[in-house]
Amino acid sequence: MTSPPSVVVVTGVSRYLGARVAARLAADSRVDRVVGLDPHEPPTALRELLADVELIRADARAASGAIADLGAEAVVHLAVTSAPDPQHGRAAMKEQNVIGTMQLLAAAQAAPRLRKLVVRSSTAAYGASFRDPGVFTEDTEPRAVPRGSYARDILDIEGYVRGFRRRRPEVSATVLRFAPFISSTADTSLTGYFSQPVVPTVLGRDARLQFVHVDDALEILHRSIVEEHPGTFNVAGAGILTLSQAIRRAGRISVPLPEGTLSTLAGVARNVGVGQIGFDQIDLFVHGRVVDTSRLVREFGFTPRTTAEAFDDFIKGHANGSSLTSDRLAAAEKAILDGIRRVRAGAAGGDRR
């Protein structure tokens, strides 16, 4: 059995997932040194977690020298964002996800001591369309080019990893396709969506959804680093929840909207308070996505908690957010109706032209 790597470089440690992964590695006596690579200073809430992690303020452009000089035996790439930053937009998201991964893998390719690569991916790699199978396996190809920016980034990232595998076949490369993260402490666009009292949905659709508990994702990531699990794996909780079931479990109210209206009303979503809804989320709510995890369970000897169990933990952490006051409902209703009127007015203007 191959011994765990002695020097591990983790990207994205200024965020919750990267900080937790680095902290777990630093607490593992089998790992001698953990280095966190991130251009941003970790927030105060994460600093204590990273007390035993060496932090290097650098982005992927500086990774080549850092990884080689550190003598990294493993690189864990978690600096992948699933939604554009409201301040910097889509261009910055693509720069981080696609260009950043390309530069990091170029650095890893030149690292002579490297023997392990672990990359965060997503089940968004399968896209979402009406031609989708009932269940995706790791060998299923997307049926259509995704229209969401995150899904397209994921396809690019995995393409770069395939190229890396060809160039460095002796390096054990693990790609983890995570279902959406959820837990009592997770803070994502999806948890924001389910945390609000009024939840916009797609009229006539009730998508099948899967989630993975953050703690289970951390366990799989840790095992990927300290053990040998090369290959690509779906990481999700068994079973499904339909969107309507999830909304009812969370004690929220669903507001069905036509798909085109919901796609146009990104501003309305923010006014209602559910944060940013992009094409990735809308397509998920229309078509759903269910993946097979038998390869993961067989290879890792670990079974994540079910989708329903993971979602119930999320509900426990957000129980106070389900109160529906008349003021909150009135504000949500007004925002949605105003948005629909704007869409209709725009359509009428187009017809006149």
Protein backbone atom coordinates (compact mmCIF):
# COMPACT_ATOMS: atom_id res chain seq x y z
CA MET A 1 0.00 0.00 0.00
CA THR A 2 1.37 3.41 -0.99
CA SER A 3 2.17 5.72 1.92
CA PRO A 4 0.39 9.08 2.25
CA PRO A 5 2.15 12.08 0.68
CA SER A 6 4.44 13.95 3.06
CA VAL A 7 3.98 17.40 1.47
CA VAL A 8 0.52 18.47 0.26
CA VAL A 9 -0.42 21.72 -1.48
CA VAL A 10 -4.09 22.75 -1.25
CA THR A 11 -5.53 25.54 -3.38
CA GLY A 12 -8.51 27.65 -2.36
CA VAL A 13 -7.85 27.72 1.39
CA SER A 14 -9.47 31.13 1.82
CA ARG A 15 -12.83 29.36 1.42
CA TYR A 16 -14.68 27.00 3.72
CA LEU A 17 -14.06 23.76 1.83
CA GLY A 18 -10.37 24.37 1.16
CA ALA A 19 -9.72 25.49 4.74
CA ARG A 20 -11.44 22.42 6.18
CA VAL A 21 -9.54 20.03 3.89
CA ALA A 22 -6.20 21.66 4.72
CA ALA A 23 -6.95 21.61 8.46
CA ARG A 24 -7.82 17.89 8.39
CA LEU A 25 -4.60 17.12 6.56
CA ALA A 26 -2.56 19.17 9.03
CA ALA A 27 -4.10 17.16 11.89
CA ASP A 28 -3.17 13.86 10.19
CA SER A 29 0.10 12.62 11.68
CA ARG A 30 0.90 10.78 8.45
CA VAL A 31 1.28 14.10 6.59
CA ASP A 32 4.37 16.13 7.41
CA ARG A 33 3.58 19.46 5.79
CA VAL A 34 0.45 21.17 4.43
CA VAL A 35 0.71 24.33 2.35
CA GLY A 36 -2.30 26.46 1.49
CA LEU A 37 -2.05 28.33 -1.81
CA ASP A 38 -4.49 31.20 -2.28
CA PRO A 39 -4.26 34.79 -3.56
CA HIS A 40 -6.66 35.95 -0.84
CA GLU A 41 -6.17 36.17 2.89
CA PRO A 42 -8.47 33.70 4.69
CA PRO A 43 -11.28 35.43 6.62
CA THR A 44 -11.01 35.65 10.38
CA ALA A 45 -13.51 32.83 10.86
CA LEU A 46 -11.15 30.41 9.08
CA ARG A 47 -7.82 31.61 10.46
CA GLU A 48 -7.99 29.44 13.57
CA LEU A 49 -8.65 26.35 11.43
CA LEU A 50 -5.49 27.07 9.46
CA ALA A 51 -3.17 27.51 12.44
CA ASP A 52 -1.04 24.51 11.42
CA VAL A 53 -1.15 25.20 7.67
CA GLU A 54 1.57 27.18 5.92
CA LEU A 55 -0.13 29.91 3.91
CA ILE A 56 1.27 31.30 0.67
CA ARG A 57 -0.46 34.32 -0.86
CA ALA A 58 -0.22 33.45 -4.53
CA ASP A 59 -2.48 32.61 -7.44
CA ALA A 60 -2.03 29.93 -10.10
CA ARG A 61 0.42 32.09 -12.05
CA ALA A 62 2.92 31.77 -9.21
CA ALA A 63 2.15 28.12 -8.57
CA SER A 64 4.89 26.70 -10.78
CA GLY A 65 7.75 27.91 -8.65
CA ALA A 66 5.91 27.31 -5.39
CA ILE A 67 4.94 23.70 -6.09
CA ALA A 68 8.39 22.75 -7.36
CA ASP A 69 10.25 24.54 -4.55
CA LEU A 70 8.05 22.98 -1.88
CA GLY A 71 8.70 19.49 -3.17
CA ALA A 72 4.97 18.81 -3.31
CA GLU A 73 4.01 15.15 -3.48
CA ALA A 74 0.28 15.91 -3.75
CA VAL A 75 -1.73 18.81 -5.12
CA VAL A 76 -5.38 19.25 -4.14
CA HIS A 77 -7.18 21.70 -6.42
CA LEU A 78 -10.25 23.19 -4.72
CA ALA A 79 -10.06 26.76 -6.04
CA VAL A 80 -13.12 26.27 -8.23
CA THR A 81 -16.10 28.60 -7.83
CA SER A 82 -19.65 27.66 -8.80
CA ALA A 83 -21.09 31.17 -9.23
CA PRO A 84 -19.78 34.54 -10.45
CA ASP A 85 -18.73 36.99 -7.80
CA PRO A 86 -21.30 39.85 -7.83
CA GLN A 87 -18.47 42.40 -7.91
CA HIS A 88 -16.20 40.87 -10.56
CA GLY A 89 -18.65 38.91 -12.70
CA ARG A 90 -18.31 36.05 -15.12
CA ALA A 91 -14.89 37.07 -16.50
CA ALA A 92 -13.25 36.69 -13.08
CA MET A 93 -15.03 33.37 -12.54
CA LYS A 94 -13.66 31.96 -15.80
CA GLU A 95 -10.22 33.34 -15.04
CA GLN A 96 -10.17 31.47 -11.74
CA ASN A 97 -11.80 28.24 -12.86
CA VAL A 98 -10.47 27.66 -16.35
CA ILE A 99 -7.28 29.69 -16.66
CA GLY A 100 -6.34 29.03 -13.05
CA THR A 101 -6.71 25.27 -13.48
CA MET A 102 -4.72 25.30 -16.70
CA GLN A 103 -1.85 27.17 -15.03
CA LEU A 104 -1.94 25.00 -11.92
CA LEU A 105 -1.77 21.79 -13.95
CA ALA A 106 1.12 23.19 -15.95
CA ALA A 107 2.91 23.76 -12.65
CA ALA A 108 2.01 20.28 -11.43
CA GLN A 109 3.30 18.74 -14.62
CA ALA A 110 6.73 20.25 -13.94
CA ALA A 111 6.86 19.12 -10.29
CA PRO A 112 9.32 16.20 -10.19
CA ARG A 113 8.20 14.75 -6.84
CA LEU A 114 4.46 14.91 -7.54
CA ARG A 115 2.67 11.57 -7.31
CA LYS A 116 -0.93 12.55 -6.57
CA LEU A 117 -3.46 15.04 -7.96
CA VAL A 118 -6.98 15.53 -6.58
CA VAL A 119 -9.38 17.88 -8.39
CA ARG A 120 -12.78 19.16 -7.31
CA SER A 121 -15.34 18.72 -10.07
CA SER A 122 -19.13 18.60 -10.16
CA THR A 123 -22.02 16.52 -11.39
CA ALA A 124 -22.74 19.60 -13.50
CA ALA A 125 -20.28 17.95 -15.92
CA TYR A 126 -23.24 15.90 -17.19
CA GLY A 127 -25.20 19.01 -18.13
CA ALA A 128 -28.99 19.03 -17.98
CA SER A 129 -31.31 18.43 -20.92
CA PHE A 130 -34.50 16.62 -21.88
CA ARG A 131 -32.37 13.86 -23.41
CA ASP A 132 -30.69 12.95 -20.11
CA PRO A 133 -30.79 9.35 -18.86
CA GLY A 134 -32.55 8.55 -15.60
CA VAL A 135 -29.21 8.02 -13.84
CA PHE A 136 -25.74 9.19 -14.84
CA THR A 137 -22.69 6.96 -14.40
CA GLU A 138 -19.13 8.27 -14.56
CA ASP A 139 -18.91 7.07 -18.17
CA THR A 140 -22.00 8.99 -19.38
CA GLU A 141 -21.30 11.80 -21.82
CA PRO A 142 -23.33 15.05 -21.72
CA ARG A 143 -26.26 14.91 -24.13
CA ALA A 144 -26.00 18.62 -24.93
CA VAL A 145 -23.55 21.47 -24.38
CA PRO A 146 -24.55 23.06 -21.06
CA ARG A 147 -25.71 26.66 -21.22
CA GLY A 148 -24.62 27.38 -17.64
CA SER A 149 -21.20 28.97 -17.15
CA TYR A 150 -20.23 26.71 -14.23
CA ALA A 151 -21.02 23.52 -16.14
CA ARG A 152 -18.97 24.71 -19.12
CA ASP A 153 -16.07 25.54 -16.80
CA ILE A 154 -16.26 22.05 -15.29
CA LEU A 155 -16.02 20.46 -18.74
CA ASP A 156 -12.94 22.57 -19.49
CA ILE A 157 -11.36 21.66 -16.14
CA GLU A 158 -11.87 17.96 -16.69
CA GLY A 159 -10.47 18.29 -20.21
CA TYR A 160 -7.27 19.76 -18.79
CA VAL A 161 -7.05 16.92 -16.26
CA ARG A 162 -7.32 14.35 -19.07
CA GLY A 163 -4.43 16.07 -20.81
CA PHE A 164 -2.43 16.02 -17.58
CA ARG A 165 -3.06 12.29 -17.18
CA ARG A 166 -1.65 11.65 -20.64
CA ARG A 167 1.47 13.70 -19.95
CA ARG A 168 2.09 12.38 -16.41
CA PRO A 169 0.61 8.85 -16.36
CA GLU A 170 2.65 7.93 -13.29
CA VAL A 171 0.74 10.51 -11.19
CA SER A 172 -2.40 9.17 -9.50
CA ALA A 173 -5.16 11.60 -10.55
CA THR A 174 -8.56 11.65 -8.81
CA VAL A 175 -11.51 13.69 -10.09
CA LEU A 176 -14.46 14.04 -7.69
CA ARG A 177 -17.78 15.02 -9.24
CA PHE A 178 -19.70 16.40 -6.29
CA ALA A 179 -23.46 16.82 -6.16
CA PRO A 180 -24.50 20.20 -4.67
CA PHE A 181 -23.15 20.62 -1.13
CA ILE A 182 -25.59 20.92 1.73
CA SER A 183 -25.48 20.82 5.54
CA SER A 184 -26.46 22.91 8.53
CA THR A 185 -23.37 25.10 8.00
CA ALA A 186 -23.04 25.15 4.20
CA ASP A 187 -23.38 28.57 2.56
CA THR A 188 -23.95 28.27 -1.19
CA SER A 189 -26.31 29.74 -3.77
CA LEU A 190 -28.44 26.60 -3.43
CA THR A 191 -28.69 26.76 0.37
CA GLY A 192 -29.57 30.43 -0.01
CA TYR A 193 -32.33 29.41 -2.41
CA PHE A 194 -33.88 26.96 0.06
CA SER A 195 -33.36 29.28 3.04
CA GLN A 196 -35.88 31.89 1.92
CA PRO A 197 -39.59 31.83 2.78
CA VAL A 198 -40.70 32.08 -0.87
CA VAL A 199 -38.95 29.85 -3.42
CA PRO A 200 -39.43 30.49 -7.17
CA THR A 201 -39.71 27.26 -9.18
CA VAL A 202 -40.31 26.29 -12.80
CA LEU A 203 -43.96 25.88 -13.69
CA GLY A 204 -44.91 22.30 -14.55
CA ARG A 205 -41.57 20.82 -13.47
CA ASP A 206 -40.60 18.85 -10.37
CA ALA A 207 -36.96 17.93 -10.80
CA ARG A 208 -35.28 15.00 -9.03
CA LEU A 209 -32.37 16.27 -6.95
CA GLN A 210 -29.40 14.83 -5.10
CA PHE A 211 -27.16 16.46 -2.51
CA VAL A 212 -24.00 15.54 -0.64
CA HIS A 213 -23.39 16.47 2.99
CA VAL A 214 -20.32 18.68 3.38
CA ASP A 215 -18.82 16.42 6.07
CA ASP A 216 -19.09 13.41 3.75
CA ALA A 217 -17.46 15.40 0.96
CA LEU A 218 -14.59 16.23 3.33
CA GLU A 219 -14.17 12.56 4.23
CA ILE A 220 -14.00 11.55 0.56
CA LEU A 221 -11.50 14.32 -0.17
CA HIS A 222 -9.28 13.27 2.73
CA ARG A 223 -9.29 9.64 1.67
CA SER A 224 -8.50 10.68 -1.90
CA ILE A 225 -5.34 12.37 -0.66
CA VAL A 226 -3.97 9.91 1.89
CA GLU A 227 -5.07 6.76 0.04
CA GLU A 228 -4.84 5.60 -3.57
CA HIS A 229 -8.08 6.13 -5.49
CA PRO A 230 -7.26 7.12 -9.07
CA GLY A 231 -10.14 7.73 -11.43
CA THR A 232 -13.33 9.78 -11.68
CA PHE A 233 -16.08 9.38 -9.08
CA ASN A 234 -19.61 10.65 -8.54
CA VAL A 235 -20.01 11.87 -4.95
CA ALA A 236 -23.63 12.16 -3.80
CA GLY A 237 -26.04 10.91 -1.22
CA ALA A 238 -28.14 7.92 -2.23
CA GLY A 239 -31.81 8.46 -3.00
CA ILE A 240 -33.50 11.59 -4.27
CA LEU A 241 -35.74 14.45 -3.26
CA THR A 242 -37.98 16.12 -5.76
CA LEU A 243 -37.84 19.91 -5.71
CA SER A 244 -41.38 20.10 -4.32
CA GLN A 245 -40.50 17.64 -1.53
CA ALA A 246 -37.42 19.66 -0.59
CA ILE A 247 -39.40 22.89 -0.44
CA ARG A 248 -42.12 21.31 1.73
CA ARG A 249 -39.53 19.74 4.05
CA ALA A 250 -37.92 23.14 4.49
CA GLY A 251 -41.28 24.74 5.34
CA ARG A 252 -41.13 27.15 2.43
CA ILE A 253 -43.71 28.27 -0.12
CA SER A 254 -43.20 27.54 -3.81
CA VAL A 255 -43.97 30.19 -6.43
CA PRO A 256 -44.11 28.47 -9.87
CA LEU A 257 -43.01 30.66 -12.78
CA PRO A 258 -42.65 29.90 -16.50
CA GLU A 259 -39.11 28.83 -17.31
CA GLY A 260 -38.49 31.81 -19.58
CA THR A 261 -39.73 34.19 -16.93
CA LEU A 262 -37.50 32.68 -14.25
CA SER A 263 -34.50 32.83 -16.57
CA THR A 264 -35.15 36.51 -17.21
CA LEU A 265 -35.88 37.42 -13.63
CA ALA A 266 -32.43 37.10 -12.08
CA GLY A 267 -33.00 40.52 -10.56
CA VAL A 268 -36.32 39.38 -9.13
CA ALA A 269 -34.63 36.43 -7.48
CA ARG A 270 -32.29 38.80 -5.72
CA ASN A 271 -35.19 41.03 -4.68
CA VAL A 272 -36.99 38.06 -3.19
CA GLY A 273 -33.78 37.27 -1.35
CA VAL A 274 -32.71 33.95 -2.81
CA GLY A 275 -29.43 35.25 -4.15
CA GLN A 276 -28.20 34.64 -7.64
CA ILE A 277 -29.97 32.07 -9.79
CA GLY A 278 -28.07 31.22 -12.95
CA PHE A 279 -28.72 28.94 -15.90
CA ASP A 280 -26.98 26.09 -14.07
CA GLN A 281 -29.56 26.19 -11.29
CA ILE A 282 -32.54 26.77 -13.58
CA ASP A 283 -31.60 23.84 -15.80
CA LEU A 284 -31.19 21.70 -12.70
CA PHE A 285 -34.67 22.70 -11.52
CA VAL A 286 -36.12 21.89 -14.97
CA HIS A 287 -34.40 18.58 -15.72
CA GLY A 288 -32.98 17.43 -12.38
CA ARG A 289 -29.90 15.22 -12.12
CA VAL A 290 -29.34 11.83 -10.48
CA VAL A 291 -25.99 10.03 -10.45
CA ASP A 292 -24.90 6.50 -9.65
CA THR A 293 -22.45 6.27 -6.74
CA SER A 294 -21.74 2.54 -6.71
CA ARG A 295 -18.19 3.09 -7.99
CA LEU A 296 -17.49 5.51 -5.12
CA VAL A 297 -18.86 3.19 -2.42
CA ARG A 298 -17.01 0.20 -3.82
CA GLU A 299 -13.68 1.98 -4.26
CA PHE A 300 -13.63 4.03 -1.05
CA GLY A 301 -15.47 1.66 1.27
CA PHE A 302 -17.50 4.65 2.45
CA THR A 303 -21.19 5.43 2.01
CA PRO A 304 -22.24 9.09 2.32
CA ARG A 305 -25.44 9.80 4.21
CA THR A 306 -28.51 9.85 1.99
CA THR A 307 -29.75 12.93 0.15
CA ALA A 308 -32.75 13.12 2.51
CA GLU A 309 -30.51 12.87 5.60
CA ALA A 310 -28.18 15.57 4.29
CA PHE A 311 -31.11 17.86 3.52
CA ASP A 312 -32.63 17.28 6.96
CA ASP A 313 -29.37 18.43 8.55
CA PHE A 314 -29.60 21.60 6.46
CA ILE A 315 -33.15 22.16 7.71
CA LYS A 316 -32.01 21.87 11.34
CA GLY A 317 -29.51 24.66 10.82
CA HIS A 318 -32.04 26.95 9.15
CA ALA A 319 -35.17 26.31 11.17
CA ASN A 320 -35.42 29.93 12.21
CA GLY A 321 -35.46 31.09 8.60
CA SER A 322 -38.80 29.51 7.78
CA SER A 323 -41.01 32.06 9.52
CA LEU A 324 -43.39 33.62 7.03
CA THR A 325 -44.50 37.07 8.08
CA SER A 326 -47.08 38.98 6.08
CA ASP A 327 -44.50 41.66 5.29
CA ARG A 328 -42.04 39.15 3.83
CA LEU A 329 -44.74 37.51 1.72
CA ALA A 330 -46.02 40.86 0.49
CA ALA A 331 -42.49 41.98 -0.48
CA ALA A 332 -41.85 38.72 -2.32
CA GLU A 333 -45.16 38.88 -4.16
CA LYS A 334 -44.56 42.49 -5.21
CA ALA A 335 -41.04 41.71 -6.47
CA ILE A 336 -42.25 38.77 -8.56
CA LEU A 337 -45.23 40.64 -10.01
CA ASP A 338 -43.09 43.69 -10.84
CA GLY A 339 -40.60 41.46 -12.62
CA ILE A 340 -43.31 39.72 -14.65
CA ARG A 341 -44.69 43.10 -15.69
CA ARG A 342 -41.20 44.16 -16.86
CA VAL A 343 -40.84 40.97 -18.89
CA ARG A 344 -44.25 41.45 -20.50
CA ALA A 345 -43.51 45.09 -21.23
CA GLY A 346 -40.23 44.13 -22.88
CA ALA A 347 -41.96 41.48 -24.98
CA ALA A 348 -44.64 43.93 -26.08
CA GLY A 349 -41.98 46.44 -27.06
CA GLY A 350 -40.23 43.78 -29.13
CA ASP A 351 -43.49 42.91 -30.92
CA ARG A 352 -44.05 46.55 -31.83
CA ARG A 353 -40.55 46.74 -33.29
